[in-house]
Amino acid sequence: MPRHCQISGKKVTTGNNVSHSHTKTKRTFEPNLQRVSLFSEALKRPIRLRVSTRALRSVTKAGGLDAYLRKTADAKLAPEAVDLKKKIRRA
């Protein structure tokens, strides 16, 4: 299963561990992903997503999944979220 947020598109990044002697070794920074079920009022059903905690806070602040997707530009959303936005707009 890919390690990326289905709303924001945040994914694994790479960097270095730097020791006291400045020896650098490669490492990965993984997003804090959680499995959540967000209710869509337009579709009248819960939608299961794998979302980063940062995106989950943004959804909560916006007032729900539908409101968040409506106000966020397509360029800032992941492809899965853009598809979901289209379904919500049609409903």
PDB file of N, CA and C in Angstrom:
ATOM      1  N   MET A   1       0.846  -1.175   0.000  1.00  0.00           N
ATOM      2  CA  MET A   1       0.000   0.000   0.000  1.00  0.00           C
ATOM      3  C   MET A   1       0.893   1.241   0.000  1.00  0.00           C
ATOM      4  N   PRO A   2       0.668   2.157  -0.932  1.00  0.00           N
ATOM      5  CA  PRO A   2       1.534   3.334  -0.989  1.00  0.00           C
ATOM      6  C   PRO A   2       1.371   4.213   0.249  1.00  0.00           C
ATOM      7  N   ARG A   3       2.454   4.795   0.668  1.00  0.00           N
ATOM      8  CA  ARG A   3       2.432   5.633   1.857  1.00  0.00           C
ATOM      9  C   ARG A   3       2.256   7.090   1.450  1.00  0.00           C
ATOM     10  N   HIS A   4       1.011   7.440   1.101  1.00  0.00           N
ATOM     11  CA  HIS A   4       0.717   8.837   0.797  1.00  0.00           C
ATOM     12  C   HIS A   4      -0.695   9.173   1.246  1.00  0.00           C
ATOM     13  N   CYS A   5      -0.903  10.439   1.536  1.00  0.00           N
ATOM     14  CA  CYS A   5      -2.197  10.920   2.001  1.00  0.00           C
ATOM     15  C   CYS A   5      -3.141  11.007   0.806  1.00  0.00           C
ATOM     16  N   GLN A   6      -4.362  10.496   0.961  1.00  0.00           N
ATOM     17  CA  GLN A   6      -5.313  10.483  -0.143  1.00  0.00           C
ATOM     18  C   GLN A   6      -6.021  11.814  -0.330  1.00  0.00           C
ATOM     19  N   ILE A   7      -5.804  12.763   0.559  1.00  0.00           N
ATOM     20  CA  ILE A   7      -6.400  14.085   0.396  1.00  0.00           C
ATOM     21  C   ILE A   7      -5.350  15.105  -0.031  1.00  0.00           C
ATOM     22  N   SER A   8      -4.294  15.229   0.753  1.00  0.00           N
ATOM     23  CA  SER A   8      -3.296  16.268   0.474  1.00  0.00           C
ATOM     24  C   SER A   8      -2.203  15.801  -0.482  1.00  0.00           C
ATOM     25  N   GLY A   9      -2.005  14.492  -0.600  1.00  0.00           N
ATOM     26  CA  GLY A   9      -0.955  13.985  -1.473  1.00  0.00           C
ATOM     27  C   GLY A   9       0.413  13.944  -0.810  1.00  0.00           C
ATOM     28  N   LYS A  10       0.477  14.254   0.484  1.00  0.00           N
ATOM     29  CA  LYS A  10       1.748  14.218   1.209  1.00  0.00           C
ATOM     30  C   LYS A  10       2.294  12.800   1.144  1.00  0.00           C
ATOM     31  N   LYS A  11       3.606  12.662   0.839  1.00  0.00           N
ATOM     32  CA  LYS A  11       4.183  11.331   0.681  1.00  0.00           C
ATOM     33  C   LYS A  11       5.542  11.244   1.358  1.00  0.00           C
ATOM     34  N   VAL A  12       6.178  10.102   1.247  1.00  0.00           N
ATOM     35  CA  VAL A  12       7.468   9.847   1.873  1.00  0.00           C
ATOM     36  C   VAL A  12       8.529  10.734   1.231  1.00  0.00           C
ATOM     37  N   THR A  13       9.354  11.354   2.071  1.00  0.00           N
ATOM     38  CA  THR A  13      10.498  12.115   1.571  1.00  0.00           C
ATOM     39  C   THR A  13      11.772  11.504   2.134  1.00  0.00           C
ATOM     40  N   THR A  14      12.899  11.839   1.530  1.00  0.00           N
ATOM     41  CA  THR A  14      14.170  11.275   1.979  1.00  0.00           C
ATOM     42  C   THR A  14      15.086  12.377   2.468  1.00  0.00           C
ATOM     43  N   GLY A  15      16.025  11.979   3.294  1.00  0.00           N
ATOM     44  CA  GLY A  15      17.006  12.913   3.835  1.00  0.00           C
ATOM     45  C   GLY A  15      18.167  12.141   4.419  1.00  0.00           C
ATOM     46  N   ASN A  16      18.899  12.781   5.305  1.00  0.00           N
ATOM     47  CA  ASN A  16      20.068  12.156   5.906  1.00  0.00           C
ATOM     48  C   ASN A  16      19.974  12.138   7.422  1.00  0.00           C
ATOM     49  N   ASN A  17      20.456  11.046   8.018  1.00  0.00           N
ATOM     50  CA  ASN A  17      20.785  11.037   9.438  1.00  0.00           C
ATOM     51  C   ASN A  17      22.201  11.575   9.523  1.00  0.00           C
ATOM     52  N   VAL A  18      22.445  12.522  10.394  1.00  0.00           N
ATOM     53  CA  VAL A  18      23.785  13.091  10.537  1.00  0.00           C
ATOM     54  C   VAL A  18      24.281  12.784  11.940  1.00  0.00           C
ATOM     55  N   SER A  19      25.372  12.035  12.007  1.00  0.00           N
ATOM     56  CA  SER A  19      25.931  11.653  13.306  1.00  0.00           C
ATOM     57  C   SER A  19      26.783  12.783  13.867  1.00  0.00           C
ATOM     58  N   HIS A  20      27.300  12.552  15.066  1.00  0.00           N
ATOM     59  CA  HIS A  20      28.150  13.548  15.729  1.00  0.00           C
ATOM     60  C   HIS A  20      29.397  13.832  14.892  1.00  0.00           C
ATOM     61  N   SER A  21      29.905  12.807  14.194  1.00  0.00           N
ATOM     62  CA  SER A  21      31.097  12.983  13.354  1.00  0.00           C
ATOM     63  C   SER A  21      30.734  13.440  11.935  1.00  0.00           C
ATOM     64  N   HIS A  22      29.473  13.806  11.730  1.00  0.00           N
ATOM     65  CA  HIS A  22      28.936  14.289  10.453  1.00  0.00           C
ATOM     66  C   HIS A  22      28.937  13.235   9.350  1.00  0.00           C
ATOM     67  N   THR A  23      28.884  11.948   9.741  1.00  0.00           N
ATOM     68  CA  THR A  23      28.689  10.879   8.766  1.00  0.00           C
ATOM     69  C   THR A  23      27.215  10.887   8.385  1.00  0.00           C
ATOM     70  N   LYS A  24      26.959  10.925   7.097  1.00  0.00           N
ATOM     71  CA  LYS A  24      25.572  11.001   6.641  1.00  0.00           C
ATOM     72  C   LYS A  24      25.112   9.648   6.101  1.00  0.00           C
ATOM     73  N   THR A  25      23.951   9.193   6.572  1.00  0.00           N
ATOM     74  CA  THR A  25      23.334   7.972   6.066  1.00  0.00           C
ATOM     75  C   THR A  25      21.910   8.300   5.646  1.00  0.00           C
ATOM     76  N   LYS A  26      21.458   7.671   4.581  1.00  0.00           N
ATOM     77  CA  LYS A  26      20.121   7.945   4.047  1.00  0.00           C
ATOM     78  C   LYS A  26      19.034   7.456   4.999  1.00  0.00           C
ATOM     79  N   ARG A  27      17.918   8.186   5.043  1.00  0.00           N
ATOM     80  CA  ARG A  27      16.763   7.789   5.830  1.00  0.00           C
ATOM     81  C   ARG A  27      15.512   8.321   5.149  1.00  0.00           C
ATOM     82  N   THR A  28      14.351   7.841   5.597  1.00  0.00           N
ATOM     83  CA  THR A  28      13.092   8.317   5.035  1.00  0.00           C
ATOM     84  C   THR A  28      12.261   8.994   6.114  1.00  0.00           C
ATOM     85  N   PHE A  29      11.506   9.992   5.702  1.00  0.00           N
ATOM     86  CA  PHE A  29      10.552  10.668   6.571  1.00  0.00           C
ATOM     87  C   PHE A  29       9.170  10.280   6.077  1.00  0.00           C
ATOM     88  N   GLU A  30       8.447   9.491   6.869  1.00  0.00           N
ATOM     89  CA  GLU A  30       7.128   9.027   6.456  1.00  0.00           C
ATOM     90  C   GLU A  30       6.042   9.893   7.079  1.00  0.00           C
ATOM     91  N   PRO A  31       4.982  10.195   6.318  1.00  0.00           N
ATOM     92  CA  PRO A  31       3.896  10.994   6.887  1.00  0.00           C
ATOM     93  C   PRO A  31       3.125  10.194   7.927  1.00  0.00           C
ATOM     94  N   ASN A  32       2.527  10.893   8.876  1.00  0.00           N
ATOM     95  CA  ASN A  32       1.741  10.262   9.933  1.00  0.00           C
ATOM     96  C   ASN A  32       0.347   9.973   9.365  1.00  0.00           C
ATOM     97  N   LEU A  33       0.167   8.780   8.808  1.00  0.00           N
ATOM     98  CA  LEU A  33      -1.097   8.419   8.160  1.00  0.00           C
ATOM     99  C   LEU A  33      -2.013   7.667   9.111  1.00  0.00           C
ATOM    100  N   GLN A  34      -3.285   7.996   9.041  1.00  0.00           N
ATOM    101  CA  GLN A  34      -4.305   7.348   9.860  1.00  0.00           C
ATOM    102  C   GLN A  34      -5.444   6.901   8.953  1.00  0.00           C
ATOM    103  N   ARG A  35      -6.030   5.751   9.269  1.00  0.00           N
ATOM    104  CA  ARG A  35      -7.223   5.287   8.557  1.00  0.00           C
ATOM    105  C   ARG A  35      -8.432   5.918   9.217  1.00  0.00           C
ATOM    106  N   VAL A  36      -9.167   6.735   8.463  1.00  0.00           N
ATOM    107  CA  VAL A  36     -10.338   7.402   9.027  1.00  0.00           C
ATOM    108  C   VAL A  36     -11.539   7.202   8.116  1.00  0.00           C
ATOM    109  N   SER A  37     -12.694   7.345   8.699  1.00  0.00           N
ATOM    110  CA  SER A  37     -13.943   7.273   7.955  1.00  0.00           C
ATOM    111  C   SER A  37     -14.604   8.640   8.078  1.00  0.00           C
ATOM    112  N   LEU A  38     -14.614   9.396   6.979  1.00  0.00           N
ATOM    113  CA  LEU A  38     -15.184  10.740   6.975  1.00  0.00           C
ATOM    114  C   LEU A  38     -16.537  10.696   6.294  1.00  0.00           C
ATOM    115  N   PHE A  39     -17.523  11.348   6.901  1.00  0.00           N
ATOM    116  CA  PHE A  39     -18.883  11.315   6.364  1.00  0.00           C
ATOM    117  C   PHE A  39     -19.052  12.412   5.326  1.00  0.00           C
ATOM    118  N   SER A  40     -19.573  12.035   4.159  1.00  0.00           N
ATOM    119  CA  SER A  40     -19.889  12.993   3.098  1.00  0.00           C
ATOM    120  C   SER A  40     -21.394  13.239   3.118  1.00  0.00           C
ATOM    121  N   GLU A  41     -21.776  14.502   3.365  1.00  0.00           N
ATOM    122  CA  GLU A  41     -23.193  14.832   3.408  1.00  0.00           C
ATOM    123  C   GLU A  41     -23.816  14.814   2.013  1.00  0.00           C
ATOM    124  N   ALA A  42     -23.041  15.136   0.994  1.00  0.00           N
ATOM    125  CA  ALA A  42     -23.570  15.129  -0.373  1.00  0.00           C
ATOM    126  C   ALA A  42     -23.848  13.707  -0.851  1.00  0.00           C
ATOM    127  N   LEU A  43     -22.924  12.784  -0.545  1.00  0.00           N
ATOM    128  CA  LEU A  43     -23.094  11.390  -0.964  1.00  0.00           C
ATOM    129  C   LEU A  43     -23.893  10.574   0.045  1.00  0.00           C
ATOM    130  N   LYS A  44     -24.117  11.142   1.236  1.00  0.00           N
ATOM    131  CA  LYS A  44     -24.890  10.505   2.318  1.00  0.00           C
ATOM    132  C   LYS A  44     -24.320   9.159   2.746  1.00  0.00           C
ATOM    133  N   ARG A  45     -22.983   9.084   2.814  1.00  0.00           N
ATOM    134  CA  ARG A  45     -22.338   7.855   3.258  1.00  0.00           C
ATOM    135  C   ARG A  45     -20.927   8.162   3.755  1.00  0.00           C
ATOM    136  N   PRO A  46     -20.405   7.319   4.632  1.00  0.00           N
ATOM    137  CA  PRO A  46     -19.026   7.518   5.084  1.00  0.00           C
ATOM    138  C   PRO A  46     -18.033   7.057   4.014  1.00  0.00           C
ATOM    139  N   ILE A  47     -16.905   7.726   3.959  1.00  0.00           N
ATOM    140  CA  ILE A  47     -15.859   7.393   2.985  1.00  0.00           C
ATOM    141  C   ILE A  47     -14.593   7.083   3.765  1.00  0.00           C
ATOM    142  N   ARG A  48     -14.038   5.885   3.534  1.00  0.00           N
ATOM    143  CA  ARG A  48     -12.806   5.476   4.216  1.00  0.00           C
ATOM    144  C   ARG A  48     -11.609   5.983   3.438  1.00  0.00           C
ATOM    145  N   LEU A  49     -10.732   6.679   4.143  1.00  0.00           N
ATOM    146  CA  LEU A  49      -9.540   7.247   3.527  1.00  0.00           C
ATOM    147  C   LEU A  49      -8.330   7.025   4.416  1.00  0.00           C
ATOM    148  N   ARG A  50      -7.163   7.093   3.813  1.00  0.00           N
ATOM    149  CA  ARG A  50      -5.901   7.074   4.558  1.00  0.00           C
ATOM    150  C   ARG A  50      -5.356   8.493   4.490  1.00  0.00           C
ATOM    151  N   VAL A  51      -5.417   9.190   5.620  1.00  0.00           N
ATOM    152  CA  VAL A  51      -5.190  10.629   5.646  1.00  0.00           C
ATOM    153  C   VAL A  51      -4.081  10.973   6.628  1.00  0.00           C
ATOM    154  N   SER A  52      -3.273  11.989   6.286  1.00  0.00           N
ATOM    155  CA  SER A  52      -2.270  12.473   7.231  1.00  0.00           C
ATOM    156  C   SER A  52      -2.976  13.272   8.316  1.00  0.00           C
ATOM    157  N   THR A  53      -2.359  13.340   9.477  1.00  0.00           N
ATOM    158  CA  THR A  53      -2.982  14.052  10.591  1.00  0.00           C
ATOM    159  C   THR A  53      -3.111  15.536  10.289  1.00  0.00           C
ATOM    160  N   ARG A  54      -2.202  16.105   9.525  1.00  0.00           N
ATOM    161  CA  ARG A  54      -2.279  17.513   9.144  1.00  0.00           C
ATOM    162  C   ARG A  54      -3.518  17.748   8.267  1.00  0.00           C
ATOM    163  N   ALA A  55      -3.763  16.865   7.305  1.00  0.00           N
ATOM    164  CA  ALA A  55      -4.935  17.008   6.449  1.00  0.00           C
ATOM    165  C   ALA A  55      -6.216  16.797   7.242  1.00  0.00           C
ATOM    166  N   LEU A  56      -6.185  15.901   8.210  1.00  0.00           N
ATOM    167  CA  LEU A  56      -7.360  15.651   9.045  1.00  0.00           C
ATOM    168  C   LEU A  56      -7.719  16.886   9.859  1.00  0.00           C
ATOM    169  N   ARG A  57      -6.729  17.589  10.370  1.00  0.00           N
ATOM    170  CA  ARG A  57      -6.963  18.845  11.085  1.00  0.00           C
ATOM    171  C   ARG A  57      -7.569  19.888  10.159  1.00  0.00           C
ATOM    172  N   SER A  58      -7.093  19.941   8.912  1.00  0.00           N
ATOM    173  CA  SER A  58      -7.626  20.905   7.943  1.00  0.00           C
ATOM    174  C   SER A  58      -9.077  20.600   7.610  1.00  0.00           C
ATOM    175  N   VAL A  59      -9.415  19.318   7.458  1.00  0.00           N
ATOM    176  CA  VAL A  59     -10.791  18.913   7.172  1.00  0.00           C
ATOM    177  C   VAL A  59     -11.697  19.297   8.335  1.00  0.00           C
ATOM    178  N   THR A  60     -11.234  19.053   9.557  1.00  0.00           N
ATOM    179  CA  THR A  60     -12.025  19.395  10.737  1.00  0.00           C
ATOM    180  C   THR A  60     -12.247  20.898  10.822  1.00  0.00           C
ATOM    181  N   LYS A  61     -11.222  21.670  10.558  1.00  0.00           N
ATOM    182  CA  LYS A  61     -11.325  23.131  10.639  1.00  0.00           C
ATOM    183  C   LYS A  61     -12.269  23.679   9.578  1.00  0.00           C
ATOM    184  N   ALA A  62     -12.269  23.076   8.390  1.00  0.00           N
ATOM    185  CA  ALA A  62     -13.131  23.549   7.301  1.00  0.00           C
ATOM    186  C   ALA A  62     -14.596  23.213   7.536  1.00  0.00           C
ATOM    187  N   GLY A  63     -14.885  22.277   8.424  1.00  0.00           N
ATOM    188  CA  GLY A  63     -16.268  21.932   8.719  1.00  0.00           C
ATOM    189  C   GLY A  63     -16.736  20.660   8.058  1.00  0.00           C
ATOM    190  N   GLY A  64     -15.831  19.787   7.712  1.00  0.00           N
ATOM    191  CA  GLY A  64     -16.206  18.499   7.129  1.00  0.00           C
ATOM    192  C   GLY A  64     -15.538  18.268   5.791  1.00  0.00           C
ATOM    193  N   LEU A  65     -15.670  17.049   5.306  1.00  0.00           N
ATOM    194  CA  LEU A  65     -15.007  16.651   4.063  1.00  0.00           C
ATOM    195  C   LEU A  65     -15.527  17.429   2.864  1.00  0.00           C
ATOM    196  N   ASP A  66     -16.848  17.558   2.746  1.00  0.00           N
ATOM    197  CA  ASP A  66     -17.429  18.255   1.591  1.00  0.00           C
ATOM    198  C   ASP A  66     -16.966  19.712   1.531  1.00  0.00           C
ATOM    199  N   ALA A  67     -17.004  20.401   2.663  1.00  0.00           N
ATOM    200  CA  ALA A  67     -16.605  21.810   2.712  1.00  0.00           C
ATOM    201  C   ALA A  67     -15.126  21.971   2.388  1.00  0.00           C
ATOM    202  N   TYR A  68     -14.303  21.064   2.895  1.00  0.00           N
ATOM    203  CA  TYR A  68     -12.865  21.139   2.630  1.00  0.00           C
ATOM    204  C   TYR A  68     -12.572  20.960   1.146  1.00  0.00           C
ATOM    205  N   LEU A  69     -13.173  19.945   0.526  1.00  0.00           N
ATOM    206  CA  LEU A  69     -12.918  19.698  -0.889  1.00  0.00           C
ATOM    207  C   LEU A  69     -13.451  20.832  -1.757  1.00  0.00           C
ATOM    208  N   ARG A  70     -14.588  21.409  -1.369  1.00  0.00           N
ATOM    209  CA  ARG A  70     -15.172  22.495  -2.145  1.00  0.00           C
ATOM    210  C   ARG A  70     -14.268  23.719  -2.175  1.00  0.00           C
ATOM    211  N   LYS A  71     -13.647  24.041  -1.036  1.00  0.00           N
ATOM    212  CA  LYS A  71     -12.878  25.281  -0.969  1.00  0.00           C
ATOM    213  C   LYS A  71     -11.408  25.130  -1.376  1.00  0.00           C
ATOM    214  N   THR A  72     -10.916  23.910  -1.492  1.00  0.00           N
ATOM    215  CA  THR A  72      -9.511  23.685  -1.841  1.00  0.00           C
ATOM    216  C   THR A  72      -9.349  23.550  -3.355  1.00  0.00           C
ATOM    217  N   ALA A  73      -8.313  24.192  -3.892  1.00  0.00           N
ATOM    218  CA  ALA A  73      -8.040  24.140  -5.328  1.00  0.00           C
ATOM    219  C   ALA A  73      -7.608  22.735  -5.738  1.00  0.00           C
ATOM    220  N   ASP A  74      -7.939  22.348  -6.964  1.00  0.00           N
ATOM    221  CA  ASP A  74      -7.596  21.016  -7.466  1.00  0.00           C
ATOM    222  C   ASP A  74      -6.087  20.782  -7.490  1.00  0.00           C
ATOM    223  N   ALA A  75      -5.314  21.833  -7.722  1.00  0.00           N
ATOM    224  CA  ALA A  75      -3.858  21.694  -7.794  1.00  0.00           C
ATOM    225  C   ALA A  75      -3.262  21.270  -6.456  1.00  0.00           C
ATOM    226  N   LYS A  76      -3.929  21.591  -5.340  1.00  0.00           N
ATOM    227  CA  LYS A  76      -3.410  21.240  -4.014  1.00  0.00           C
ATOM    228  C   LYS A  76      -3.902  19.889  -3.535  1.00  0.00           C
ATOM    229  N   LEU A  77      -4.802  19.240  -4.263  1.00  0.00           N
ATOM    230  CA  LEU A  77      -5.375  17.967  -3.847  1.00  0.00           C
ATOM    231  C   LEU A  77      -4.693  16.804  -4.557  1.00  0.00           C
ATOM    232  N   ALA A  78      -4.734  15.648  -3.926  1.00  0.00           N
ATOM    233  CA  ALA A  78      -4.244  14.413  -4.537  1.00  0.00           C
ATOM    234  C   ALA A  78      -5.239  13.954  -5.604  1.00  0.00           C
ATOM    235  N   PRO A  79      -4.820  13.132  -6.559  1.00  0.00           N
ATOM    236  CA  PRO A  79      -5.743  12.672  -7.610  1.00  0.00           C
ATOM    237  C   PRO A  79      -6.993  11.976  -7.067  1.00  0.00           C
ATOM    238  N   GLU A  80      -6.852  11.202  -5.986  1.00  0.00           N
ATOM    239  CA  GLU A  80      -8.026  10.538  -5.398  1.00  0.00           C
ATOM    240  C   GLU A  80      -9.019  11.568  -4.875  1.00  0.00           C
ATOM    241  N   ALA A  81      -8.499  12.644  -4.291  1.00  0.00           N
ATOM    242  CA  ALA A  81      -9.368  13.686  -3.740  1.00  0.00           C
ATOM    243  C   ALA A  81     -10.067  14.469  -4.847  1.00  0.00           C
ATOM    244  N   VAL A  82      -9.401  14.661  -5.978  1.00  0.00           N
ATOM    245  CA  VAL A  82     -10.022  15.371  -7.106  1.00  0.00           C
ATOM    246  C   VAL A  82     -11.194  14.544  -7.645  1.00  0.00           C
ATOM    247  N   ASP A  83     -11.014  13.221  -7.736  1.00  0.00           N
ATOM    248  CA  ASP A  83     -12.110  12.350  -8.183  1.00  0.00           C
ATOM    249  C   ASP A  83     -13.276  12.413  -7.209  1.00  0.00           C
ATOM    250  N   LEU A  84     -12.976  12.387  -5.923  1.00  0.00           N
ATOM    251  CA  LEU A  84     -14.013  12.459  -4.895  1.00  0.00           C
ATOM    252  C   LEU A  84     -14.735  13.808  -4.956  1.00  0.00           C
ATOM    253  N   LYS A  85     -13.996  14.865  -5.231  1.00  0.00           N
ATOM    254  CA  LYS A  85     -14.573  16.205  -5.353  1.00  0.00           C
ATOM    255  C   LYS A  85     -15.570  16.261  -6.510  1.00  0.00           C
ATOM    256  N   LYS A  86     -15.235  15.605  -7.614  1.00  0.00           N
ATOM    257  CA  LYS A  86     -16.141  15.565  -8.779  1.00  0.00           C
ATOM    258  C   LYS A  86     -17.421  14.812  -8.435  1.00  0.00           C
ATOM    259  N   LYS A  87     -17.296  13.686  -7.703  1.00  0.00           N
ATOM    260  CA  LYS A  87     -18.487  12.920  -7.308  1.00  0.00           C
ATOM    261  C   LYS A  87     -19.389  13.740  -6.397  1.00  0.00           C
ATOM    262  N   ILE A  88     -18.784  14.477  -5.476  1.00  0.00           N
ATOM    263  CA  ILE A  88     -19.536  15.307  -4.546  1.00  0.00           C
ATOM    264  C   ILE A  88     -20.227  16.448  -5.291  1.00  0.00           C
ATOM    265  N   ARG A  89     -19.528  17.031  -6.258  1.00  0.00           N
ATOM    266  CA  ARG A  89     -20.110  18.130  -7.032  1.00  0.00           C
ATOM    267  C   ARG A  89     -21.326  17.652  -7.838  1.00  0.00           C
ATOM    268  N   ARG A  90     -21.261  16.411  -8.366  1.00  0.00           N
ATOM    269  CA  ARG A  90     -22.382  15.868  -9.156  1.00  0.00           C
ATOM    270  C   ARG A  90     -23.595  15.563  -8.280  1.00  0.00           C
ATOM    271  N   ALA A  91     -23.347  15.171  -7.033  1.00  0.00           N
ATOM    272  CA  ALA A  91     -24.441  14.757  -6.143  1.00  0.00           C
ATOM    273  C   ALA A  91     -25.253  15.938  -5.629  1.00  0.00           C
TER     274      ALA A  91
END
